[in-house]
Amino acid sequence: MTPPSPERRPYRTARERVAARRGGVLPQRRRRGRRTLLALAALLLAALAAVVLAVGGWAGASLRAIEQADPRRAPEAGVSAPPRAAELPTSLREPFSVLLLGVDRRPNPDEGVRADTLILVYVHPAAGWAGMLSIPRDSVVQVPGLGLQKINTAYTYGFLNAEELYGPGTTPEESGGALAAEAVAGFLGLKVDYIAQIDFRGFQRVVDTLGGITVDIERPILDPSYPSDDFGYERVYIPAGLQVLDGATALRYARSRHSSSDFDRSRRQQQVLRAILAEVRARGLLSQAALLPELAADLQASVSTTLPLSDLETLRGLATLAQSLDPEGILTLSINPNDVRIVTEDGSDIYWEPADVAAQVARLTAGPEAASEWARVQVLNAAGVQGLAGRVSRRLAAQGFTLNDPSDAPAAAQTRLIDYSGRPETLRRLADTLGLDPGRVYPTPPADAPPAPFEADIVLIIGADYRPEWAGEGPP
């Protein structure tokens, strides 16, 4: 069946569109956390799924075209039929993760392809929350078959060596996503259940199909070396102020990095995502039926995922999940120097402290409530047991706390937990985790407390009365 041709919405100025929004259609926007451009892929897929279910029928082929195989899931021995994409865990009741990849793909395959942005999304459907952890593309990790390389090398290598890595019939896109997922899983120590890819030209088309997005640009963007499609450079200038951005300008605003840094770029990507979500929510998911043919075409040409979108029950579950998640309540984390220490830098290559990476992953899987307050914890060994502070630090880091390097302290008989910076939620979690007597927990430093260690918010002084389970050496 041929899809109907949608009518284009009449153009409106920024002033007109903002006036419409101030009429009570949109909730007030809050500034919190960092979102990346890649969250667009999952949210658009879920939004499209909801519209398909409302309108029905003809778009099923488009969604099946978006679904791709996952070569990481090898067929069982003796089974000749090709493997079917795995179902979502327990009908969307169990937590699952999706690796979102923003792919810079040139029209000519010989010109190269790379994953420009990576983010792991962790979804806990039963608890009704989701978290995102963005990974800088210059992070050095173990890439299967290559050793230590920048993490975005994994996608390129997989793309160029598909059948050699995963067997005959594997497409470059499937292989690139699979190898990137393996590298990310190894780096984070967390299983990657699904993969979703979107190329940047697809993002541009989606924004244009929506009629543009309204963005309040705080500072002008001046990038004299923005990469052009012909491998050259172009000068990009975007003035400050409230304006409606078309797809090309929104893409430049989200991707420009020479005018500032990768971390400022993350902030701008957050703005772009919020603007897209505001546009979709302002018009209502079901009212997007008029745009369904174009959105389906945009997604089919630009998005691929190992999520089983061809399954109707999965589509319904994703649609329900997408509508129940509050975009402003999504936990947003990143691997960045403020939260994760850099072991060393070699040119643009960044080597991150593994214990801090593990702590960020633990915060991701613990959810928004556990991550609502950030604090650095210092463990001091006053028990005289060699290596005890280090073992306790590693144990706490695996439980989602952010730890400074362990150190020693003068001998003490009793363990004390001291808050130097006013971090009550972290103090409570630490006390509960360790099972400390309330008399040994200090919301403010007592008179005989040692000076606070450098850049430490809470200090755990381990005395001779320590419990072996704190270091993972005894029963919980």
Protein backbone atom coordinates (compact mmCIF):
# COMPACT_ATOMS: atom_id res chain seq x y z
CA MET A 1 0.00 0.00 0.00
CA THR A 2 1.38 3.39 -0.95
CA PRO A 3 1.67 5.72 2.04
CA PRO A 4 -0.24 8.99 1.87
CA SER A 5 1.68 12.15 1.04
CA PRO A 6 1.79 14.42 4.08
CA GLU A 7 1.22 18.12 3.87
CA ARG A 8 4.04 20.42 4.92
CA ARG A 9 3.32 22.69 7.84
CA PRO A 10 3.43 26.41 7.07
CA TYR A 11 6.63 28.09 8.15
CA ARG A 12 6.50 30.00 11.44
CA THR A 13 9.02 32.44 12.83
CA ALA A 14 10.78 31.79 16.11
CA ARG A 15 8.67 34.49 17.75
CA GLU A 16 5.46 32.78 16.60
CA ARG A 17 6.57 29.33 17.70
CA VAL A 18 7.77 30.53 21.11
CA ALA A 19 4.50 32.41 21.61
CA ALA A 20 2.62 29.18 20.91
CA ARG A 21 4.73 27.29 23.43
CA ARG A 22 4.17 29.96 26.09
CA GLY A 23 0.47 29.34 25.73
CA GLY A 24 0.87 26.41 28.10
CA VAL A 25 1.63 23.62 25.64
CA LEU A 26 5.09 22.84 26.97
CA PRO A 27 6.30 22.42 30.53
CA GLN A 28 9.02 24.75 31.71
CA ARG A 29 12.42 23.45 30.75
CA ARG A 30 15.00 22.74 33.42
CA ARG A 31 18.73 22.57 33.06
CA ARG A 32 20.07 19.31 34.41
CA GLY A 33 22.69 16.83 33.35
CA ARG A 34 24.09 16.16 29.90
CA ARG A 35 22.25 14.44 27.12
CA THR A 36 23.85 13.48 23.89
CA LEU A 37 22.58 13.64 20.38
CA LEU A 38 22.46 9.86 20.21
CA ALA A 39 19.48 9.62 22.56
CA LEU A 40 17.52 10.90 19.56
CA ALA A 41 17.74 7.48 17.91
CA ALA A 42 16.02 5.52 20.68
CA LEU A 43 13.42 8.19 21.39
CA LEU A 44 12.49 8.63 17.74
CA LEU A 45 12.19 4.87 17.30
CA ALA A 46 9.87 4.67 20.31
CA ALA A 47 7.84 7.69 19.18
CA LEU A 48 7.49 6.25 15.70
CA ALA A 49 6.42 2.93 17.19
CA ALA A 50 3.60 4.64 19.09
CA VAL A 51 2.40 6.35 15.92
CA VAL A 52 2.55 3.13 13.92
CA LEU A 53 0.37 1.40 16.49
CA ALA A 54 -2.14 4.23 16.34
CA VAL A 55 -2.24 4.48 12.55
CA GLY A 56 -1.45 0.85 11.80
CA GLY A 57 -0.53 -1.25 8.87
CA TRP A 58 1.60 -0.02 6.05
CA ALA A 59 4.70 1.16 7.97
CA GLY A 60 5.55 -2.34 9.20
CA ALA A 61 7.87 -2.96 6.29
CA SER A 62 9.78 0.20 7.11
CA LEU A 63 10.29 -0.89 10.71
CA ARG A 64 11.40 -4.35 9.61
CA ALA A 65 13.93 -2.67 7.32
CA ILE A 66 15.32 -0.75 10.30
CA GLU A 67 15.89 -3.97 12.25
CA GLN A 68 19.26 -5.65 11.67
CA ALA A 69 20.96 -8.83 12.81
CA ASP A 70 23.44 -8.90 15.67
CA PRO A 71 26.50 -10.94 14.62
CA ARG A 72 27.62 -11.19 18.26
CA ARG A 73 24.81 -13.74 18.75
CA ALA A 74 26.13 -16.83 16.98
CA PRO A 75 23.67 -19.53 15.85
CA GLU A 76 23.47 -22.61 18.02
CA ALA A 77 25.41 -25.70 16.95
CA GLY A 78 23.50 -27.81 14.47
CA VAL A 79 20.95 -25.08 13.72
CA SER A 80 21.00 -24.07 10.06
CA ALA A 81 18.34 -21.37 10.19
CA PRO A 82 19.64 -17.81 10.59
CA PRO A 83 19.42 -16.51 14.16
CA ARG A 84 16.43 -14.31 14.98
CA ALA A 85 17.02 -11.11 16.92
CA ALA A 86 16.68 -11.73 20.64
CA GLU A 87 13.46 -10.70 22.29
CA LEU A 88 13.52 -7.88 24.78
CA PRO A 89 14.19 -9.23 28.27
CA THR A 90 11.06 -10.67 29.89
CA SER A 91 8.62 -8.47 27.98
CA LEU A 92 10.41 -5.30 29.01
CA ARG A 93 10.28 -6.10 32.71
CA GLU A 94 14.00 -6.68 33.16
CA PRO A 95 16.71 -3.99 32.79
CA PHE A 96 18.45 -3.86 29.43
CA SER A 97 21.10 -1.73 27.72
CA VAL A 98 21.34 -0.20 24.26
CA LEU A 99 24.53 1.14 22.70
CA LEU A 100 23.68 4.19 20.61
CA LEU A 101 26.14 5.08 17.86
CA GLY A 102 26.23 8.32 15.90
CA VAL A 103 27.82 7.35 12.59
CA ASP A 104 29.57 9.73 10.22
CA ARG A 105 29.14 7.92 6.92
CA ARG A 106 30.27 9.50 3.65
CA PRO A 107 28.30 8.93 0.42
CA ASN A 108 31.30 7.14 -1.10
CA PRO A 109 32.08 3.97 0.93
CA ASP A 110 35.79 4.36 0.09
CA GLU A 111 35.90 7.69 1.95
CA GLY A 112 35.61 6.07 5.35
CA VAL A 113 33.12 5.70 8.19
CA ARG A 114 33.44 6.26 11.92
CA ALA A 115 31.38 6.31 15.10
CA ASP A 116 31.57 9.97 16.04
CA THR A 117 29.61 9.62 19.30
CA LEU A 118 28.91 6.70 21.63
CA ILE A 119 26.46 6.44 24.50
CA LEU A 120 25.23 3.50 26.55
CA VAL A 121 21.58 3.69 27.59
CA TYR A 122 20.50 1.60 30.57
CA VAL A 123 16.73 1.13 30.95
CA HIS A 124 14.95 -0.20 34.02
CA PRO A 125 11.35 -0.62 32.81
CA ALA A 126 9.87 -1.92 36.07
CA ALA A 127 11.25 1.01 38.05
CA GLY A 128 10.35 3.47 35.29
CA TRP A 129 13.73 5.11 34.75
CA ALA A 130 16.57 5.21 32.25
CA GLY A 131 20.17 6.38 32.39
CA MET A 132 22.70 7.42 29.80
CA LEU A 133 26.50 7.21 29.94
CA SER A 134 28.38 8.98 27.17
CA ILE A 135 31.87 7.81 26.21
CA PRO A 136 34.42 10.19 24.63
CA ARG A 137 35.55 8.94 21.26
CA ASP A 138 39.24 9.52 22.18
CA SER A 139 39.06 7.05 25.09
CA VAL A 140 41.67 4.31 24.77
CA VAL A 141 40.25 0.81 25.33
CA GLN A 142 40.94 -2.79 24.40
CA VAL A 143 39.47 -3.37 20.94
CA PRO A 144 39.10 -7.11 20.17
CA GLY A 145 41.72 -8.10 17.62
CA LEU A 146 43.51 -4.74 17.74
CA GLY A 147 44.62 -4.21 21.33
CA LEU A 148 44.67 -0.74 22.87
CA GLN A 149 43.06 1.72 20.47
CA LYS A 150 40.72 4.70 20.54
CA ILE A 151 37.22 3.42 21.13
CA ASN A 152 35.85 4.82 17.88
CA THR A 153 38.40 2.69 16.00
CA ALA A 154 36.29 -0.37 16.81
CA TYR A 155 33.40 0.66 14.57
CA THR A 156 35.67 1.53 11.64
CA TYR A 157 37.64 -1.71 11.88
CA GLY A 158 34.49 -3.78 12.18
CA PHE A 159 32.90 -1.96 9.23
CA LEU A 160 35.90 -2.64 6.99
CA ASN A 161 36.36 -6.31 8.03
CA ALA A 162 32.81 -7.60 8.42
CA GLU A 163 32.97 -11.13 7.04
CA GLU A 164 36.49 -11.74 8.37
CA LEU A 165 35.31 -10.94 11.89
CA TYR A 166 31.78 -12.35 12.00
CA GLY A 167 31.43 -14.67 9.03
CA PRO A 168 29.87 -14.67 5.55
CA GLY A 169 26.76 -12.57 5.06
CA THR A 170 27.56 -10.07 7.81
CA THR A 171 27.07 -6.52 6.59
CA PRO A 172 29.59 -3.74 7.36
CA GLU A 173 27.04 -1.90 9.52
CA GLU A 174 26.26 -5.03 11.55
CA SER A 175 29.93 -5.77 12.07
CA GLY A 176 30.85 -2.19 12.96
CA GLY A 177 28.11 -2.01 15.57
CA ALA A 178 28.96 -5.43 16.98
CA LEU A 179 32.67 -4.73 17.41
CA ALA A 180 31.92 -1.33 18.94
CA ALA A 181 29.55 -3.06 21.38
CA GLU A 182 32.25 -5.58 22.32
CA ALA A 183 34.75 -2.77 22.95
CA VAL A 184 32.26 -0.79 25.05
CA ALA A 185 31.26 -3.87 27.07
CA GLY A 186 34.90 -4.61 27.84
CA PHE A 187 35.65 -1.00 28.77
CA LEU A 188 32.63 -0.58 31.06
CA GLY A 189 32.38 -4.14 32.36
CA LEU A 190 28.68 -4.14 31.48
CA LYS A 191 26.82 -6.27 28.95
CA VAL A 192 25.50 -4.48 25.86
CA ASP A 193 22.16 -6.05 24.96
CA TYR A 194 21.23 -4.08 21.84
CA ILE A 195 22.71 -1.65 19.33
CA ALA A 196 21.16 1.33 17.55
CA GLN A 197 22.88 3.37 14.84
CA ILE A 198 21.92 6.67 13.27
CA ASP A 199 23.94 8.60 10.72
CA PHE A 200 24.10 12.36 10.96
CA ARG A 201 22.43 12.97 7.63
CA GLY A 202 19.46 11.07 9.00
CA PHE A 203 19.38 13.37 12.03
CA GLN A 204 19.35 16.34 9.67
CA ARG A 205 16.43 14.91 7.68
CA VAL A 206 14.40 14.18 10.83
CA VAL A 207 14.77 17.78 12.06
CA ASP A 208 13.69 19.09 8.65
CA THR A 209 10.71 16.73 8.61
CA LEU A 210 9.62 18.12 11.99
CA GLY A 211 9.78 21.62 10.51
CA GLY A 212 12.86 22.70 12.47
CA ILE A 213 13.50 23.05 16.20
CA THR A 214 13.52 26.08 18.47
CA VAL A 215 16.80 26.59 20.34
CA ASP A 216 17.90 29.41 22.65
CA ILE A 217 21.62 29.76 21.85
CA GLU A 218 23.47 31.26 24.80
CA ARG A 219 26.74 32.14 23.08
CA PRO A 220 27.63 32.57 19.40
CA ILE A 221 29.30 29.64 17.67
CA LEU A 222 32.25 30.48 15.44
CA ASP A 223 34.00 27.47 13.97
CA PRO A 224 36.52 28.26 11.22
CA SER A 225 37.28 24.58 10.59
CA TYR A 226 33.96 22.73 10.50
CA PRO A 227 34.45 19.57 8.35
CA SER A 228 32.57 19.63 5.07
CA ASP A 229 31.26 16.66 3.07
CA ASP A 230 34.08 16.97 0.52
CA PHE A 231 36.78 16.47 3.19
CA GLY A 232 37.47 20.17 3.29
CA TYR A 233 36.50 22.79 5.83
CA GLU A 234 33.93 25.52 6.02
CA ARG A 235 33.41 28.49 8.29
CA VAL A 236 30.37 28.17 10.54
CA TYR A 237 28.83 31.07 12.44
CA ILE A 238 25.64 30.72 14.46
CA PRO A 239 24.56 33.86 16.34
CA ALA A 240 23.28 33.87 19.90
CA GLY A 241 19.58 34.19 20.61
CA LEU A 242 16.30 32.36 20.25
CA GLN A 243 15.84 30.93 16.77
CA VAL A 244 14.43 28.08 14.72
CA LEU A 245 17.18 25.82 13.36
CA ASP A 246 16.75 23.71 10.27
CA GLY A 247 18.38 20.29 10.09
CA ALA A 248 21.71 21.45 8.65
CA THR A 249 22.14 24.25 11.19
CA ALA A 250 21.07 22.05 14.10
CA LEU A 251 23.64 19.47 13.04
CA ARG A 252 26.40 22.11 12.88
CA TYR A 253 25.40 23.46 16.27
CA ALA A 254 25.45 19.99 17.84
CA ARG A 255 28.69 18.80 16.23
CA SER A 256 30.98 21.86 16.18
CA ARG A 257 33.97 21.32 18.45
CA HIS A 258 36.66 23.78 17.29
CA SER A 259 34.88 26.73 18.88
CA SER A 260 35.04 25.15 22.36
CA SER A 261 35.47 21.55 23.58
CA ASP A 262 33.90 18.11 23.46
CA PHE A 263 32.27 18.76 26.83
CA ASP A 264 30.68 22.01 25.68
CA ARG A 265 29.54 20.13 22.61
CA SER A 266 27.78 17.69 24.94
CA ARG A 267 25.92 20.61 26.50
CA ARG A 268 24.81 21.82 23.07
CA GLN A 269 23.72 18.32 22.11
CA GLN A 270 21.59 18.32 25.25
CA GLN A 271 19.89 21.49 24.03
CA VAL A 272 19.23 20.00 20.62
CA LEU A 273 17.72 16.83 22.09
CA ARG A 274 15.48 18.82 24.41
CA ALA A 275 14.33 20.95 21.50
CA ILE A 276 13.45 17.86 19.45
CA LEU A 277 11.58 16.31 22.36
CA ALA A 278 9.79 19.61 23.00
CA GLU A 279 8.65 19.69 19.38
CA VAL A 280 7.34 16.13 19.49
CA ARG A 281 5.67 16.54 22.88
CA ALA A 282 4.12 19.90 21.95
CA ARG A 283 2.32 18.31 19.02
CA GLY A 284 1.52 15.03 20.79
CA LEU A 285 2.75 11.64 19.62
CA LEU A 286 -0.53 10.65 18.01
CA SER A 287 -0.74 13.90 16.04
CA GLN A 288 2.48 12.84 14.30
CA ALA A 289 0.41 10.56 12.06
CA ALA A 290 0.51 13.20 9.32
CA LEU A 291 4.31 13.07 9.38
CA LEU A 292 4.54 9.28 9.59
CA PRO A 293 5.41 8.63 5.93
CA GLU A 294 8.34 11.05 5.97
CA LEU A 295 9.54 10.01 9.41
CA ALA A 296 9.38 6.35 8.40
CA ALA A 297 11.37 7.10 5.26
CA ASP A 298 13.93 9.13 7.23
CA LEU A 299 14.38 6.37 9.79
CA GLN A 300 14.52 3.58 7.23
CA ALA A 301 17.30 5.41 5.37
CA SER A 302 19.27 6.43 8.45
CA VAL A 303 18.60 4.16 11.46
CA SER A 304 19.40 0.53 12.11
CA THR A 305 19.01 -1.39 15.35
CA THR A 306 19.16 -4.90 16.74
CA LEU A 307 16.03 -4.19 18.80
CA PRO A 308 13.32 -6.58 17.51
CA LEU A 309 11.06 -3.88 16.02
CA SER A 310 9.35 -6.35 13.70
CA ASP A 311 7.66 -7.91 16.74
CA LEU A 312 4.31 -6.25 17.45
CA GLU A 313 4.42 -6.96 21.19
CA THR A 314 7.86 -5.39 21.41
CA LEU A 315 6.62 -2.33 19.55
CA ARG A 316 3.73 -1.92 21.96
CA GLY A 317 6.07 -2.30 24.92
CA LEU A 318 8.51 0.27 23.55
CA ALA A 319 5.71 2.71 22.83
CA THR A 320 4.32 2.37 26.36
CA LEU A 321 7.81 2.68 27.84
CA ALA A 322 8.62 5.78 25.77
CA GLN A 323 5.48 7.54 26.95
CA SER A 324 6.03 6.63 30.61
CA LEU A 325 9.63 7.87 30.85
CA ASP A 326 10.03 11.51 31.86
CA PRO A 327 12.76 13.02 29.62
CA GLU A 328 13.70 15.45 32.41
CA GLY A 329 14.15 12.57 34.83
CA ILE A 330 16.61 10.60 32.74
CA LEU A 331 19.90 10.05 34.54
CA THR A 332 22.72 11.55 32.49
CA LEU A 333 26.34 10.64 33.13
CA SER A 334 29.54 10.79 31.14
CA ILE A 335 33.15 9.73 31.25
CA ASN A 336 34.74 13.13 31.88
CA PRO A 337 37.68 14.55 33.89
CA ASN A 338 35.44 15.92 36.64
CA ASP A 339 34.11 12.46 37.52
CA VAL A 340 36.78 10.09 36.18
CA ARG A 341 40.47 10.63 36.69
CA ILE A 342 42.79 10.60 33.67
CA VAL A 343 45.71 8.24 34.11
CA THR A 344 47.62 9.71 31.19
CA GLU A 345 47.15 11.54 27.90
CA ASP A 346 49.14 10.82 24.76
CA GLY A 347 48.26 13.46 22.20
CA SER A 348 44.49 13.14 21.86
CA ASP A 349 44.45 9.63 23.37
CA ILE A 350 42.91 9.51 26.86
CA TYR A 351 43.55 6.69 29.35
CA TRP A 352 40.93 6.68 32.13
CA GLU A 353 41.26 5.36 35.69
CA PRO A 354 39.44 1.97 35.63
CA ALA A 355 38.15 2.24 39.21
CA ASP A 356 36.49 5.58 38.43
CA VAL A 357 34.98 4.18 35.23
CA ALA A 358 33.54 1.30 37.27
CA ALA A 359 32.09 3.81 39.73
CA GLN A 360 30.32 5.67 36.92
CA VAL A 361 28.88 2.41 35.62
CA ALA A 362 27.67 1.53 39.11
CA ARG A 363 25.98 4.93 39.34
CA LEU A 364 24.35 4.29 35.97
CA THR A 365 22.87 0.95 37.01
CA ALA A 366 21.88 2.23 40.47
CA GLY A 367 19.51 4.79 38.98
CA PRO A 368 18.62 8.47 39.41
CA GLU A 369 17.92 8.34 43.15
CA ALA A 370 21.33 6.92 44.01
CA ALA A 371 23.11 9.35 41.65
CA SER A 372 21.24 12.48 42.77
CA GLU A 373 24.17 13.57 44.95
CA TRP A 374 27.81 13.38 43.88
CA ALA A 375 30.63 13.10 46.40
CA ARG A 376 34.22 11.89 46.52
CA VAL A 377 35.05 9.41 49.27
CA GLN A 378 38.50 8.91 50.79
CA VAL A 379 39.35 5.69 52.65
CA LEU A 380 42.13 5.91 55.27
CA ASN A 381 43.71 2.81 56.80
CA ALA A 382 44.06 3.23 60.56
CA ALA A 383 43.84 -0.51 61.26
CA GLY A 384 47.46 -1.35 60.45
CA VAL A 385 46.45 -4.05 57.92
CA GLN A 386 48.48 -3.75 54.74
CA GLY A 387 46.43 -2.92 51.64
CA LEU A 388 43.14 -2.73 53.54
CA ALA A 389 42.20 0.80 52.39
CA GLY A 390 42.77 -0.18 48.76
CA ARG A 391 40.60 -3.28 49.02
CA VAL A 392 37.78 -1.39 50.73
CA SER A 393 38.03 1.40 48.12
CA ARG A 394 37.66 -1.07 45.25
CA ARG A 395 34.68 -2.69 46.97
CA LEU A 396 32.93 0.67 47.46
CA ALA A 397 33.70 1.77 43.89
CA ALA A 398 32.01 -1.38 42.60
CA GLN A 399 28.92 -0.34 44.57
CA GLY A 400 28.65 3.04 42.88
CA PHE A 401 30.69 5.35 45.09
CA THR A 402 33.38 7.69 43.73
CA LEU A 403 36.69 7.06 45.48
CA ASN A 404 39.92 9.00 45.83
CA ASP A 405 43.20 7.12 46.10
CA PRO A 406 43.39 5.26 49.43
CA SER A 407 45.90 6.28 52.06
CA ASP A 408 47.04 5.59 55.62
CA ALA A 409 46.21 7.29 58.92
CA PRO A 410 47.49 7.09 62.49
CA ALA A 411 46.34 3.95 64.33
CA ALA A 412 42.79 4.06 65.67
CA ALA A 413 40.71 1.53 67.54
CA GLN A 414 37.34 2.52 66.12
CA THR A 415 36.10 3.19 62.59
CA ARG A 416 34.64 6.62 61.87
CA LEU A 417 32.75 8.04 58.87
CA ILE A 418 33.01 11.83 58.60
CA ASP A 419 31.20 14.20 56.22
CA TYR A 420 33.34 17.29 55.50
CA SER A 421 31.23 18.84 52.71
CA GLY A 422 27.56 18.33 53.51
CA ARG A 423 26.72 15.20 51.49
CA PRO A 424 23.95 13.62 53.61
CA GLU A 425 22.62 11.17 51.01
CA THR A 426 26.06 9.73 50.27
CA LEU A 427 26.84 9.62 53.99
CA ARG A 428 23.64 7.66 54.62
CA ARG A 429 24.32 5.24 51.76
CA LEU A 430 27.86 4.63 52.97
CA ALA A 431 26.73 4.04 56.55
CA ASP A 432 24.03 1.62 55.37
CA THR A 433 26.47 -0.19 53.06
CA LEU A 434 29.00 -0.66 55.83
CA GLY A 435 26.43 -1.28 58.56
CA LEU A 436 28.04 1.34 60.83
CA ASP A 437 26.70 2.21 64.24
CA PRO A 438 25.11 5.71 64.13
CA GLY A 439 27.51 6.83 66.85
CA ARG A 440 30.39 6.38 64.41
CA VAL A 441 28.79 8.46 61.64
CA TYR A 442 29.42 12.23 61.75
CA PRO A 443 27.34 14.62 59.57
CA THR A 444 29.90 17.32 60.47
CA PRO A 445 33.54 16.89 61.52
CA PRO A 446 34.00 16.36 65.29
CA ALA A 447 36.50 18.46 67.20
CA ASP A 448 39.21 15.79 67.01
CA ALA A 449 38.71 15.03 63.31
CA PRO A 450 41.81 15.14 61.11
CA PRO A 451 41.99 17.79 58.37
CA ALA A 452 40.02 16.87 55.28
CA PRO A 453 42.17 15.22 52.59
CA PHE A 454 42.53 17.06 49.29
CA GLU A 455 39.32 17.02 47.19
CA ALA A 456 37.54 14.61 49.54
CA ASP A 457 33.95 15.16 50.67
CA ILE A 458 33.57 12.17 53.00
CA VAL A 459 36.32 10.29 54.81
CA LEU A 460 36.13 6.70 56.05
CA ILE A 461 38.77 6.07 58.72
CA ILE A 462 39.06 2.29 59.13
CA GLY A 463 39.93 1.34 62.69
CA ALA A 464 40.95 -1.94 64.28
CA ASP A 465 37.27 -2.88 64.62
CA TYR A 466 36.84 -3.17 60.83
CA ARG A 467 34.78 -5.98 59.31
CA PRO A 468 36.39 -8.25 56.69
CA GLU A 469 33.27 -8.02 54.45
CA TRP A 470 34.00 -4.32 53.86
CA ALA A 471 36.91 -5.51 51.72
CA GLY A 472 34.98 -8.40 50.21
CA GLU A 473 36.79 -10.92 52.39
CA GLY A 474 33.92 -12.32 54.42
CA PRO A 475 30.18 -12.98 54.41
CA PRO A 476 28.01 -10.00 53.36
